[in-house]
PDB file of N, CA and C in Angstrom:
ATOM      1  N   MET A   1       0.844  -1.177   0.000  1.00  0.00           N
ATOM      2  CA  MET A   1       0.000   0.000   0.000  1.00  0.00           C
ATOM      3  C   MET A   1       0.891   1.243   0.000  1.00  0.00           C
ATOM      4  N   PRO A   2       0.698   2.138  -0.954  1.00  0.00           N
ATOM      5  CA  PRO A   2       1.549   3.330  -1.032  1.00  0.00           C
ATOM      6  C   PRO A   2       1.356   4.259   0.168  1.00  0.00           C
ATOM      7  N   ILE A   3       2.391   5.000   0.458  1.00  0.00           N
ATOM      8  CA  ILE A   3       2.360   5.948   1.568  1.00  0.00           C
ATOM      9  C   ILE A   3       1.714   7.242   1.080  1.00  0.00           C
ATOM     10  N   SER A   4       0.931   7.878   1.943  1.00  0.00           N
ATOM     11  CA  SER A   4       0.277   9.128   1.571  1.00  0.00           C
ATOM     12  C   SER A   4       1.313  10.246   1.454  1.00  0.00           C
ATOM     13  N   ALA A   5       0.947  11.306   0.747  1.00  0.00           N
ATOM     14  CA  ALA A   5       1.857  12.438   0.537  1.00  0.00           C
ATOM     15  C   ALA A   5       2.220  13.110   1.861  1.00  0.00           C
ATOM     16  N   ASP A   6       1.256  13.218   2.774  1.00  0.00           N
ATOM     17  CA  ASP A   6       1.538  13.841   4.073  1.00  0.00           C
ATOM     18  C   ASP A   6       2.519  13.010   4.884  1.00  0.00           C
ATOM     19  N   ARG A   7       2.351  11.703   4.833  1.00  0.00           N
ATOM     20  CA  ARG A   7       3.256  10.822   5.586  1.00  0.00           C
ATOM     21  C   ARG A   7       4.662  10.858   4.982  1.00  0.00           C
ATOM     22  N   LYS A   8       4.753  10.898   3.653  1.00  0.00           N
ATOM     23  CA  LYS A   8       6.058  11.015   2.999  1.00  0.00           C
ATOM     24  C   LYS A   8       6.748  12.312   3.399  1.00  0.00           C
ATOM     25  N   LYS A   9       5.971  13.370   3.501  1.00  0.00           N
ATOM     26  CA  LYS A   9       6.542  14.659   3.895  1.00  0.00           C
ATOM     27  C   LYS A   9       7.111  14.583   5.310  1.00  0.00           C
ATOM     28  N   SER A  10       6.400  13.952   6.222  1.00  0.00           N
ATOM     29  CA  SER A  10       6.916  13.826   7.587  1.00  0.00           C
ATOM     30  C   SER A  10       8.137  12.913   7.620  1.00  0.00           C
ATOM     31  N   PHE A  11       8.161  11.871   6.783  1.00  0.00           N
ATOM     32  CA  PHE A  11       9.334  10.990   6.703  1.00  0.00           C
ATOM     33  C   PHE A  11      10.538  11.745   6.145  1.00  0.00           C
ATOM     34  N   ARG A  12      10.321  12.630   5.169  1.00  0.00           N
ATOM     35  CA  ARG A  12      11.430  13.426   4.624  1.00  0.00           C
ATOM     36  C   ARG A  12      12.000  14.346   5.692  1.00  0.00           C
ATOM     37  N   THR A  13      11.134  14.894   6.530  1.00  0.00           N
ATOM     38  CA  THR A  13      11.586  15.757   7.623  1.00  0.00           C
ATOM     39  C   THR A  13      12.463  14.977   8.588  1.00  0.00           C
ATOM     40  N   ILE A  14      12.035  13.784   8.956  1.00  0.00           N
ATOM     41  CA  ILE A  14      12.820  12.943   9.859  1.00  0.00           C
ATOM     42  C   ILE A  14      14.118  12.511   9.178  1.00  0.00           C
ATOM     43  N   GLY A  15      14.026  12.101   7.926  1.00  0.00           N
ATOM     44  CA  GLY A  15      15.179  11.607   7.182  1.00  0.00           C
ATOM     45  C   GLY A  15      16.249  12.648   6.944  1.00  0.00           C
ATOM     46  N   HIS A  16      15.859  13.916   6.894  1.00  0.00           N
ATOM     47  CA  HIS A  16      16.813  15.000   6.675  1.00  0.00           C
ATOM     48  C   HIS A  16      17.883  15.023   7.772  1.00  0.00           C
ATOM     49  N   LYS A  17      17.496  14.687   8.980  1.00  0.00           N
ATOM     50  CA  LYS A  17      18.402  14.747  10.133  1.00  0.00           C
ATOM     51  C   LYS A  17      19.274  13.496  10.274  1.00  0.00           C
ATOM     52  N   LEU A  18      18.971  12.456   9.519  1.00  0.00           N
ATOM     53  CA  LEU A  18      19.693  11.194   9.652  1.00  0.00           C
ATOM     54  C   LEU A  18      21.026  11.215   8.910  1.00  0.00           C
ATOM     55  N   ASN A  19      21.959  10.401   9.399  1.00  0.00           N
ATOM     56  CA  ASN A  19      23.206  10.159   8.693  1.00  0.00           C
ATOM     57  C   ASN A  19      23.048   8.870   7.889  1.00  0.00           C
ATOM     58  N   PRO A  20      23.761   8.761   6.755  1.00  0.00           N
ATOM     59  CA  PRO A  20      23.674   7.518   5.978  1.00  0.00           C
ATOM     60  C   PRO A  20      24.148   6.312   6.790  1.00  0.00           C
ATOM     61  N   ILE A  21      23.355   5.259   6.792  1.00  0.00           N
ATOM     62  CA  ILE A  21      23.682   4.038   7.521  1.00  0.00           C
ATOM     63  C   ILE A  21      24.426   3.074   6.613  1.00  0.00           C
ATOM     64  N   VAL A  22      24.039   3.028   5.354  1.00  0.00           N
ATOM     65  CA  VAL A  22      24.629   2.104   4.392  1.00  0.00           C
ATOM     66  C   VAL A  22      25.182   2.916   3.223  1.00  0.00           C
ATOM     67  N   THR A  23      26.373   2.534   2.763  1.00  0.00           N
ATOM     68  CA  THR A  23      26.958   3.138   1.565  1.00  0.00           C
ATOM     69  C   THR A  23      27.110   2.045   0.513  1.00  0.00           C
ATOM     70  N   ILE A  24      26.586   2.329  -0.666  1.00  0.00           N
ATOM     71  CA  ILE A  24      26.690   1.384  -1.775  1.00  0.00           C
ATOM     72  C   ILE A  24      27.677   1.967  -2.771  1.00  0.00           C
ATOM     73  N   ALA A  25      28.750   1.217  -3.045  1.00  0.00           N
ATOM     74  CA  ALA A  25      29.810   1.697  -3.937  1.00  0.00           C
ATOM     75  C   ALA A  25      29.763   0.957  -5.271  1.00  0.00           C
ATOM     76  N   GLY A  26      30.891   0.904  -5.930  1.00  0.00           N
ATOM     77  CA  GLY A  26      31.000   0.382  -7.286  1.00  0.00           C
ATOM     78  C   GLY A  26      30.556  -1.050  -7.489  1.00  0.00           C
ATOM     79  N   LYS A  27      30.635  -1.899  -6.473  1.00  0.00           N
ATOM     80  CA  LYS A  27      30.243  -3.297  -6.645  1.00  0.00           C
ATOM     81  C   LYS A  27      28.732  -3.497  -6.562  1.00  0.00           C
ATOM     82  N   GLY A  28      28.001  -2.445  -6.257  1.00  0.00           N
ATOM     83  CA  GLY A  28      26.543  -2.525  -6.240  1.00  0.00           C
ATOM     84  C   GLY A  28      25.995  -3.258  -5.030  1.00  0.00           C
ATOM     85  N   LEU A  29      24.866  -3.909  -5.237  1.00  0.00           N
ATOM     86  CA  LEU A  29      24.175  -4.599  -4.149  1.00  0.00           C
ATOM     87  C   LEU A  29      24.725  -6.016  -3.985  1.00  0.00           C
ATOM     88  N   SER A  30      25.858  -6.115  -3.326  1.00  0.00           N
ATOM     89  CA  SER A  30      26.432  -7.433  -3.044  1.00  0.00           C
ATOM     90  C   SER A  30      25.637  -8.085  -1.916  1.00  0.00           C
ATOM     91  N   GLU A  31      25.934  -9.326  -1.649  1.00  0.00           N
ATOM     92  CA  GLU A  31      25.213 -10.059  -0.606  1.00  0.00           C
ATOM     93  C   GLU A  31      25.392  -9.399   0.763  1.00  0.00           C
ATOM     94  N   GLY A  32      26.606  -8.955   1.069  1.00  0.00           N
ATOM     95  CA  GLY A  32      26.868  -8.293   2.350  1.00  0.00           C
ATOM     96  C   GLY A  32      26.111  -6.984   2.490  1.00  0.00           C
ATOM     97  N   VAL A  33      26.058  -6.216   1.411  1.00  0.00           N
ATOM     98  CA  VAL A  33      25.332  -4.940   1.435  1.00  0.00           C
ATOM     99  C   VAL A  33      23.839  -5.194   1.622  1.00  0.00           C
ATOM    100  N   LEU A  34      23.311  -6.205   0.944  1.00  0.00           N
ATOM    101  CA  LEU A  34      21.888  -6.537   1.095  1.00  0.00           C
ATOM    102  C   LEU A  34      21.563  -6.961   2.522  1.00  0.00           C
ATOM    103  N   LEU A  35      22.443  -7.753   3.135  1.00  0.00           N
ATOM    104  CA  LEU A  35      22.225  -8.171   4.523  1.00  0.00           C
ATOM    105  C   LEU A  35      22.197  -6.966   5.459  1.00  0.00           C
ATOM    106  N   GLU A  36      23.155  -6.066   5.288  1.00  0.00           N
ATOM    107  CA  GLU A  36      23.220  -4.874   6.135  1.00  0.00           C
ATOM    108  C   GLU A  36      22.034  -3.958   5.881  1.00  0.00           C
ATOM    109  N   LEU A  37      21.635  -3.830   4.636  1.00  0.00           N
ATOM    110  CA  LEU A  37      20.494  -2.991   4.281  1.00  0.00           C
ATOM    111  C   LEU A  37      19.212  -3.531   4.916  1.00  0.00           C
ATOM    112  N   ASN A  38      18.990  -4.844   4.822  1.00  0.00           N
ATOM    113  CA  ASN A  38      17.805  -5.450   5.430  1.00  0.00           C
ATOM    114  C   ASN A  38      17.829  -5.325   6.951  1.00  0.00           C
ATOM    115  N   ARG A  39      19.003  -5.509   7.565  1.00  0.00           N
ATOM    116  CA  ARG A  39      19.105  -5.359   9.015  1.00  0.00           C
ATOM    117  C   ARG A  39      18.775  -3.927   9.429  1.00  0.00           C
ATOM    118  N   ALA A  40      19.315  -2.957   8.692  1.00  0.00           N
ATOM    119  CA  ALA A  40      19.070  -1.557   9.009  1.00  0.00           C
ATOM    120  C   ALA A  40      17.596  -1.197   8.843  1.00  0.00           C
ATOM    121  N   LEU A  41      16.962  -1.687   7.786  1.00  0.00           N
ATOM    122  CA  LEU A  41      15.536  -1.410   7.580  1.00  0.00           C
ATOM    123  C   LEU A  41      14.690  -2.065   8.670  1.00  0.00           C
ATOM    124  N   ASP A  42      15.053  -3.276   9.093  1.00  0.00           N
ATOM    125  CA  ASP A  42      14.314  -3.936  10.166  1.00  0.00           C
ATOM    126  C   ASP A  42      14.456  -3.181  11.483  1.00  0.00           C
ATOM    127  N   ASP A  43      15.660  -2.708  11.766  1.00  0.00           N
ATOM    128  CA  ASP A  43      15.915  -2.026  13.039  1.00  0.00           C
ATOM    129  C   ASP A  43      15.379  -0.599  13.055  1.00  0.00           C
ATOM    130  N   HIS A  44      15.633   0.158  11.977  1.00  0.00           N
ATOM    131  CA  HIS A  44      15.370   1.597  11.988  1.00  0.00           C
ATOM    132  C   HIS A  44      14.127   2.023  11.205  1.00  0.00           C
ATOM    133  N   GLU A  45      13.610   1.185  10.355  1.00  0.00           N
ATOM    134  CA  GLU A  45      12.448   1.448   9.500  1.00  0.00           C
ATOM    135  C   GLU A  45      12.705   2.520   8.438  1.00  0.00           C
ATOM    136  N   LEU A  46      13.249   3.651   8.823  1.00  0.00           N
ATOM    137  CA  LEU A  46      13.530   4.747   7.892  1.00  0.00           C
ATOM    138  C   LEU A  46      15.041   4.971   7.907  1.00  0.00           C
ATOM    139  N   ILE A  47      15.683   4.809   6.740  1.00  0.00           N
ATOM    140  CA  ILE A  47      17.138   4.949   6.695  1.00  0.00           C
ATOM    141  C   ILE A  47      17.568   5.816   5.516  1.00  0.00           C
ATOM    142  N   LYS A  48      18.764   6.353   5.655  1.00  0.00           N
ATOM    143  CA  LYS A  48      19.388   7.113   4.579  1.00  0.00           C
ATOM    144  C   LYS A  48      20.527   6.265   4.029  1.00  0.00           C
ATOM    145  N   VAL A  49      20.590   6.172   2.698  1.00  0.00           N
ATOM    146  CA  VAL A  49      21.596   5.362   2.019  1.00  0.00           C
ATOM    147  C   VAL A  49      22.389   6.265   1.075  1.00  0.00           C
ATOM    148  N   LYS A  50      23.717   6.151   1.135  1.00  0.00           N
ATOM    149  CA  LYS A  50      24.577   6.916   0.238  1.00  0.00           C
ATOM    150  C   LYS A  50      24.981   6.033  -0.935  1.00  0.00           C
ATOM    151  N   LEU A  51      24.846   6.566  -2.135  1.00  0.00           N
ATOM    152  CA  LEU A  51      25.222   5.848  -3.350  1.00  0.00           C
ATOM    153  C   LEU A  51      26.535   6.448  -3.854  1.00  0.00           C
ATOM    154  N   ALA A  52      27.645   5.785  -3.565  1.00  0.00           N
ATOM    155  CA  ALA A  52      28.968   6.276  -3.946  1.00  0.00           C
ATOM    156  C   ALA A  52      29.318   5.789  -5.351  1.00  0.00           C
ATOM    157  N   VAL A  53      28.469   6.163  -6.293  1.00  0.00           N
ATOM    158  CA  VAL A  53      28.637   5.772  -7.692  1.00  0.00           C
ATOM    159  C   VAL A  53      28.629   7.053  -8.521  1.00  0.00           C
ATOM    160  N   ALA A  54      29.602   7.190  -9.407  1.00  0.00           N
ATOM    161  CA  ALA A  54      29.769   8.439 -10.146  1.00  0.00           C
ATOM    162  C   ALA A  54      28.708   8.674 -11.216  1.00  0.00           C
ATOM    163  N   GLU A  55      28.346   7.650 -11.955  1.00  0.00           N
ATOM    164  CA  GLU A  55      27.443   7.823 -13.097  1.00  0.00           C
ATOM    165  C   GLU A  55      25.976   7.874 -12.668  1.00  0.00           C
ATOM    166  N   ARG A  56      25.248   8.836 -13.198  1.00  0.00           N
ATOM    167  CA  ARG A  56      23.835   9.022 -12.864  1.00  0.00           C
ATOM    168  C   ARG A  56      22.986   7.810 -13.254  1.00  0.00           C
ATOM    169  N   GLU A  57      23.266   7.232 -14.430  1.00  0.00           N
ATOM    170  CA  GLU A  57      22.499   6.075 -14.889  1.00  0.00           C
ATOM    171  C   GLU A  57      22.698   4.880 -13.952  1.00  0.00           C
ATOM    172  N   ASP A  58      23.931   4.698 -13.477  1.00  0.00           N
ATOM    173  CA  ASP A  58      24.212   3.619 -12.534  1.00  0.00           C
ATOM    174  C   ASP A  58      23.464   3.830 -11.224  1.00  0.00           C
ATOM    175  N   ARG A  59      23.389   5.085 -10.777  1.00  0.00           N
ATOM    176  CA  ARG A  59      22.638   5.389  -9.544  1.00  0.00           C
ATOM    177  C   ARG A  59      21.157   5.101  -9.741  1.00  0.00           C
ATOM    178  N   LYS A  60      20.622   5.443 -10.908  1.00  0.00           N
ATOM    179  CA  LYS A  60      19.200   5.174 -11.192  1.00  0.00           C
ATOM    180  C   LYS A  60      18.925   3.673 -11.161  1.00  0.00           C
ATOM    181  N   GLU A  61      19.849   2.875 -11.711  1.00  0.00           N
ATOM    182  CA  GLU A  61      19.693   1.421 -11.682  1.00  0.00           C
ATOM    183  C   GLU A  61      19.732   0.897 -10.249  1.00  0.00           C
ATOM    184  N   LEU A  62      20.644   1.440  -9.429  1.00  0.00           N
ATOM    185  CA  LEU A  62      20.723   1.029  -8.021  1.00  0.00           C
ATOM    186  C   LEU A  62      19.436   1.367  -7.275  1.00  0.00           C
ATOM    187  N   VAL A  63      18.903   2.557  -7.518  1.00  0.00           N
ATOM    188  CA  VAL A  63      17.656   2.960  -6.869  1.00  0.00           C
ATOM    189  C   VAL A  63      16.528   2.024  -7.284  1.00  0.00           C
ATOM    190  N   ALA A  64      16.476   1.657  -8.548  1.00  0.00           N
ATOM    191  CA  ALA A  64      15.450   0.722  -9.024  1.00  0.00           C
ATOM    192  C   ALA A  64      15.593  -0.634  -8.331  1.00  0.00           C
ATOM    193  N   GLU A  65      16.830  -1.091  -8.134  1.00  0.00           N
ATOM    194  CA  GLU A  65      17.059  -2.352  -7.432  1.00  0.00           C
ATOM    195  C   GLU A  65      16.637  -2.252  -5.965  1.00  0.00           C
ATOM    196  N   LEU A  66      16.903  -1.101  -5.342  1.00  0.00           N
ATOM    197  CA  LEU A  66      16.525  -0.913  -3.937  1.00  0.00           C
ATOM    198  C   LEU A  66      15.009  -0.917  -3.768  1.00  0.00           C
ATOM    199  N   VAL A  67      14.319  -0.238  -4.672  1.00  0.00           N
ATOM    200  CA  VAL A  67      12.857  -0.161  -4.588  1.00  0.00           C
ATOM    201  C   VAL A  67      12.228  -1.517  -4.884  1.00  0.00           C
ATOM    202  N   ALA A  68      12.923  -2.363  -5.632  1.00  0.00           N
ATOM    203  CA  ALA A  68      12.406  -3.689  -5.959  1.00  0.00           C
ATOM    204  C   ALA A  68      12.493  -4.660  -4.775  1.00  0.00           C
ATOM    205  N   LEU A  69      13.230  -4.286  -3.737  1.00  0.00           N
ATOM    206  CA  LEU A  69      13.304  -5.135  -2.553  1.00  0.00           C
ATOM    207  C   LEU A  69      11.921  -5.219  -1.905  1.00  0.00           C
ATOM    208  N   PRO A  70      11.623  -6.308  -1.190  1.00  0.00           N
ATOM    209  CA  PRO A  70      10.288  -6.491  -0.609  1.00  0.00           C
ATOM    210  C   PRO A  70       9.888  -5.372   0.355  1.00  0.00           C
ATOM    211  N   ASN A  71       8.747  -4.764   0.079  1.00  0.00           N
ATOM    212  CA  ASN A  71       8.109  -3.754   0.933  1.00  0.00           C
ATOM    213  C   ASN A  71       8.923  -2.488   1.136  1.00  0.00           C
ATOM    214  N   VAL A  72       9.914  -2.211   0.311  1.00  0.00           N
ATOM    215  CA  VAL A  72      10.732  -1.001   0.443  1.00  0.00           C
ATOM    216  C   VAL A  72      10.108   0.106  -0.384  1.00  0.00           C
ATOM    217  N   GLU A  73       9.976   1.280   0.235  1.00  0.00           N
ATOM    218  CA  GLU A  73       9.428   2.441  -0.464  1.00  0.00           C
ATOM    219  C   GLU A  73      10.467   3.542  -0.512  1.00  0.00           C
ATOM    220  N   LEU A  74      10.591   4.172  -1.656  1.00  0.00           N
ATOM    221  CA  LEU A  74      11.487   5.304  -1.823  1.00  0.00           C
ATOM    222  C   LEU A  74      10.778   6.548  -1.304  1.00  0.00           C
ATOM    223  N   ILE A  75      11.382   7.200  -0.341  1.00  0.00           N
ATOM    224  CA  ILE A  75      10.801   8.417   0.216  1.00  0.00           C
ATOM    225  C   ILE A  75      11.366   9.637  -0.495  1.00  0.00           C
ATOM    226  N   GLN A  76      12.697   9.639  -0.703  1.00  0.00           N
ATOM    227  CA  GLN A  76      13.318  10.787  -1.346  1.00  0.00           C
ATOM    228  C   GLN A  76      14.624  10.369  -2.006  1.00  0.00           C
ATOM    229  N   GLU A  77      14.922  11.013  -3.113  1.00  0.00           N
ATOM    230  CA  GLU A  77      16.191  10.791  -3.810  1.00  0.00           C
ATOM    231  C   GLU A  77      16.741  12.150  -4.206  1.00  0.00           C
ATOM    232  N   ILE A  78      17.883  12.488  -3.626  1.00  0.00           N
ATOM    233  CA  ILE A  78      18.542  13.748  -3.962  1.00  0.00           C
ATOM    234  C   ILE A  78      20.011  13.444  -4.217  1.00  0.00           C
ATOM    235  N   GLY A  79      20.455  13.648  -5.438  1.00  0.00           N
ATOM    236  CA  GLY A  79      21.851  13.411  -5.773  1.00  0.00           C
ATOM    237  C   GLY A  79      22.262  11.985  -5.493  1.00  0.00           C
ATOM    238  N   LYS A  80      23.230  11.837  -4.588  1.00  0.00           N
ATOM    239  CA  LYS A  80      23.766  10.517  -4.265  1.00  0.00           C
ATOM    240  C   LYS A  80      23.209   9.953  -2.966  1.00  0.00           C
ATOM    241  N   VAL A  81      22.113  10.507  -2.491  1.00  0.00           N
ATOM    242  CA  VAL A  81      21.529  10.057  -1.227  1.00  0.00           C
ATOM    243  C   VAL A  81      20.056   9.718  -1.442  1.00  0.00           C
ATOM    244  N   VAL A  82      19.631   8.569  -0.895  1.00  0.00           N
ATOM    245  CA  VAL A  82      18.225   8.186  -0.943  1.00  0.00           C
ATOM    246  C   VAL A  82      17.746   7.874   0.467  1.00  0.00           C
ATOM    247  N   ILE A  83      16.480   8.125   0.700  1.00  0.00           N
ATOM    248  CA  ILE A  83      15.837   7.774   1.966  1.00  0.00           C
ATOM    249  C   ILE A  83      14.840   6.673   1.660  1.00  0.00           C
ATOM    250  N   LEU A  84      14.974   5.560   2.388  1.00  0.00           N
ATOM    251  CA  LEU A  84      14.126   4.391   2.183  1.00  0.00           C
ATOM    252  C   LEU A  84      13.325   4.097   3.433  1.00  0.00           C
ATOM    253  N   TYR A  85      12.137   3.509   3.224  1.00  0.00           N
ATOM    254  CA  TYR A  85      11.261   3.149   4.335  1.00  0.00           C
ATOM    255  C   TYR A  85      10.745   1.731   4.132  1.00  0.00           C
ATOM    256  N   ARG A  86      10.755   0.976   5.210  1.00  0.00           N
ATOM    257  CA  ARG A  86      10.074  -0.311   5.258  1.00  0.00           C
ATOM    258  C   ARG A  86       9.535  -0.462   6.673  1.00  0.00           C
ATOM    259  N   GLY A  87       8.222  -0.486   6.803  1.00  0.00           N
ATOM    260  CA  GLY A  87       7.588  -0.582   8.105  1.00  0.00           C
ATOM    261  C   GLY A  87       7.875  -1.909   8.793  1.00  0.00           C
ATOM    262  N   ASN A  88       7.940  -1.870  10.112  1.00  0.00           N
ATOM    263  CA  ASN A  88       8.166  -3.059  10.923  1.00  0.00           C
ATOM    264  C   ASN A  88       7.294  -2.936  12.162  1.00  0.00           C
ATOM    265  N   LYS A  89       6.279  -3.767  12.259  1.00  0.00           N
ATOM    266  CA  LYS A  89       5.353  -3.693  13.386  1.00  0.00           C
ATOM    267  C   LYS A  89       6.011  -4.071  14.710  1.00  0.00           C
ATOM    268  N   LYS A  90       7.098  -4.841  14.644  1.00  0.00           N
ATOM    269  CA  LYS A  90       7.789  -5.280  15.856  1.00  0.00           C
ATOM    270  C   LYS A  90       9.106  -4.543  16.055  1.00  0.00           C
ATOM    271  N   ALA A  91       9.216  -3.329  15.542  1.00  0.00           N
ATOM    272  CA  ALA A  91      10.467  -2.572  15.639  1.00  0.00           C
ATOM    273  C   ALA A  91      10.755  -2.196  17.084  1.00  0.00           C
ATOM    274  N   ASN A  92      12.027  -2.241  17.416  1.00  0.00           N
ATOM    275  CA  ASN A  92      12.476  -1.837  18.747  1.00  0.00           C
ATOM    276  C   ASN A  92      12.358  -0.311  18.852  1.00  0.00           C
ATOM    277  N   PRO A  93      11.597   0.209  19.808  1.00  0.00           N
ATOM    278  CA  PRO A  93      11.422   1.661  19.912  1.00  0.00           C
ATOM    279  C   PRO A  93      12.727   2.412  20.171  1.00  0.00           C
ATOM    280  N   LYS A  94      13.719   1.732  20.727  1.00  0.00           N
ATOM    281  CA  LYS A  94      15.000   2.386  20.991  1.00  0.00           C
ATOM    282  C   LYS A  94      15.824   2.540  19.714  1.00  0.00           C
ATOM    283  N   LEU A  95      15.556   1.723  18.707  1.00  0.00           N
ATOM    284  CA  LEU A  95      16.313   1.777  17.460  1.00  0.00           C
ATOM    285  C   LEU A  95      15.562   2.462  16.332  1.00  0.00           C
ATOM    286  N   SER A  96      14.244   2.395  16.339  1.00  0.00           N
ATOM    287  CA  SER A  96      13.453   2.928  15.246  1.00  0.00           C
ATOM    288  C   SER A  96      13.580   4.442  15.147  1.00  0.00           C
ATOM    289  N   ASN A  97      13.775   4.937  13.923  1.00  0.00           N
ATOM    290  CA  ASN A  97      13.846   6.371  13.699  1.00  0.00           C
ATOM    291  C   ASN A  97      12.466   7.020  13.717  1.00  0.00           C
ATOM    292  N   LEU A  98      11.404   6.221  13.682  1.00  0.00           N
ATOM    293  CA  LEU A  98      10.049   6.762  13.662  1.00  0.00           C
ATOM    294  C   LEU A  98       9.387   6.764  15.034  1.00  0.00           C
ATOM    295  N   ARG A  99       9.869   5.968  15.954  1.00  0.00           N
ATOM    296  CA  ARG A  99       9.189   5.810  17.252  1.00  0.00           C
ATOM    297  C   ARG A  99       9.945   6.433  18.414  1.00  0.00           C
ATOM    298  N   ARG A 100      10.887   7.285  18.119  1.00  0.00           N
ATOM    299  CA  ARG A 100      11.636   7.945  19.192  1.00  0.00           C
ATOM    300  C   ARG A 100      10.932   9.180  19.631  1.00  0.00           C
TER     301      ARG A 100
END
């Protein structure tokens, strides 16, 4: 179910203050990066990801791969940084960026 525009706006506000948790470089979405990305989404629900890739087309492909992950929604994409959201009903309130 897509997120409403108002909810996306509030997520962008929260995401603006976050530091990137995961950095994806030239090797793309390797198995280790996917594991860390899934762990971060499970723990924090809303995360900022840095795409350390020079070419714009390569970044667009990476973003498409990220959005194709199960239940992941793109909240914002600016330059080399994206904000991703995946809800977790059992998220730890001490770790979640939405429940603090």
